[in-house]
Amino acid sequence: MSIVSIMATILEQELRERGILGLTQLDCETIVHSLIERTAKLEADIKRKRTSATAPERSV
């Protein structure tokens, strides 16, 4: 079982406990993939901003 499948199963259980019953395992896997991609993009943006904030300015 892949980490995405495990996370999707946990998500499905969490949603079910809160009364959200309409999502399938595939829906949850799609959400997990999206969360992973968005988290990676956010992390890259944060690193880029930190790098540009700490980089010394160059004189031309």
C-alpha atoms as a PDB file:
ATOM      1  CA  MET A   1       0.000   0.000   0.000  1.00  0.00           C
ATOM      2  CA  SER A   2       1.427   3.388  -0.990  1.00  0.00           C
ATOM      3  CA  ILE A   3       1.752   6.348   1.340  1.00  0.00           C
ATOM      4  CA  VAL A   4      -0.872   8.167  -0.746  1.00  0.00           C
ATOM      5  CA  SER A   5      -3.319   5.281  -0.265  1.00  0.00           C
ATOM      6  CA  ILE A   6      -2.664   5.254   3.463  1.00  0.00           C
ATOM      7  CA  MET A   7      -3.153   9.015   3.717  1.00  0.00           C
ATOM      8  CA  ALA A   8      -6.311   8.781   1.592  1.00  0.00           C
ATOM      9  CA  THR A   9      -7.722   6.112   3.894  1.00  0.00           C
ATOM     10  CA  ILE A  10      -7.013   8.266   6.939  1.00  0.00           C
ATOM     11  CA  LEU A  11      -8.600  11.273   5.215  1.00  0.00           C
ATOM     12  CA  GLU A  12     -11.657   9.223   4.303  1.00  0.00           C
ATOM     13  CA  GLN A  13     -12.017   8.075   7.932  1.00  0.00           C
ATOM     14  CA  GLU A  14     -11.595  11.610   9.278  1.00  0.00           C
ATOM     15  CA  LEU A  15     -14.220  12.937   6.877  1.00  0.00           C
ATOM     16  CA  ARG A  16     -16.619  10.095   7.699  1.00  0.00           C
ATOM     17  CA  GLU A  17     -16.269  10.869  11.427  1.00  0.00           C
ATOM     18  CA  ARG A  18     -17.366  14.414  10.625  1.00  0.00           C
ATOM     19  CA  GLY A  19     -20.380  13.293   8.625  1.00  0.00           C
ATOM     20  CA  ILE A  20     -18.912  13.730   5.137  1.00  0.00           C
ATOM     21  CA  LEU A  21     -19.790  10.487   3.415  1.00  0.00           C
ATOM     22  CA  GLY A  22     -19.845  11.271  -0.310  1.00  0.00           C
ATOM     23  CA  LEU A  23     -16.151  10.931  -1.153  1.00  0.00           C
ATOM     24  CA  THR A  24     -14.657   7.736  -2.540  1.00  0.00           C
ATOM     25  CA  GLN A  25     -11.166   6.363  -1.947  1.00  0.00           C
ATOM     26  CA  LEU A  26     -10.200   7.725  -5.382  1.00  0.00           C
ATOM     27  CA  ASP A  27     -11.526  11.184  -4.433  1.00  0.00           C
ATOM     28  CA  CYS A  28      -9.439  11.088  -1.268  1.00  0.00           C
ATOM     29  CA  GLU A  29      -6.332   9.977  -3.183  1.00  0.00           C
ATOM     30  CA  THR A  30      -6.829  12.878  -5.590  1.00  0.00           C
ATOM     31  CA  ILE A  31      -7.097  15.285  -2.655  1.00  0.00           C
ATOM     32  CA  VAL A  32      -3.949  13.831  -1.064  1.00  0.00           C
ATOM     33  CA  HIS A  33      -2.010  14.197  -4.336  1.00  0.00           C
ATOM     34  CA  SER A  34      -3.159  17.798  -4.596  1.00  0.00           C
ATOM     35  CA  LEU A  35      -2.156  18.508  -1.000  1.00  0.00           C
ATOM     36  CA  ILE A  36       1.307  17.034  -1.574  1.00  0.00           C
ATOM     37  CA  GLU A  37       1.822  19.071  -4.756  1.00  0.00           C
ATOM     38  CA  ARG A  38       0.585  22.292  -3.185  1.00  0.00           C
ATOM     39  CA  THR A  39       2.731  21.740  -0.087  1.00  0.00           C
ATOM     40  CA  ALA A  40       5.821  21.175  -2.251  1.00  0.00           C
ATOM     41  CA  LYS A  41       5.123  24.364  -4.231  1.00  0.00           C
ATOM     42  CA  LEU A  42       4.599  26.336  -1.034  1.00  0.00           C
ATOM     43  CA  GLU A  43       7.832  24.978   0.421  1.00  0.00           C
ATOM     44  CA  ALA A  44       9.724  25.935  -2.759  1.00  0.00           C
ATOM     45  CA  ASP A  45       8.213  29.444  -2.683  1.00  0.00           C
ATOM     46  CA  ILE A  46       9.180  29.903   0.964  1.00  0.00           C
ATOM     47  CA  LYS A  47      12.743  28.722   0.302  1.00  0.00           C
ATOM     48  CA  ARG A  48      13.007  31.015  -2.732  1.00  0.00           C
ATOM     49  CA  LYS A  49      11.755  34.011  -0.733  1.00  0.00           C
ATOM     50  CA  ARG A  50      14.137  33.266   2.127  1.00  0.00           C
ATOM     51  CA  THR A  51      17.045  32.918  -0.291  1.00  0.00           C
ATOM     52  CA  SER A  52      16.236  36.170  -2.082  1.00  0.00           C
ATOM     53  CA  ALA A  53      15.731  37.961   1.243  1.00  0.00           C
ATOM     54  CA  THR A  54      19.126  36.893   2.561  1.00  0.00           C
ATOM     55  CA  ALA A  55      21.063  37.225  -0.701  1.00  0.00           C
ATOM     56  CA  PRO A  56      23.268  40.328  -0.804  1.00  0.00           C
ATOM     57  CA  GLU A  57      22.282  42.917  -3.375  1.00  0.00           C
ATOM     58  CA  ARG A  58      24.647  43.239  -6.308  1.00  0.00           C
ATOM     59  CA  SER A  59      25.869  46.575  -7.592  1.00  0.00           C
ATOM     60  CA  VAL A  60      25.808  47.051 -11.339  1.00  0.00           C
END
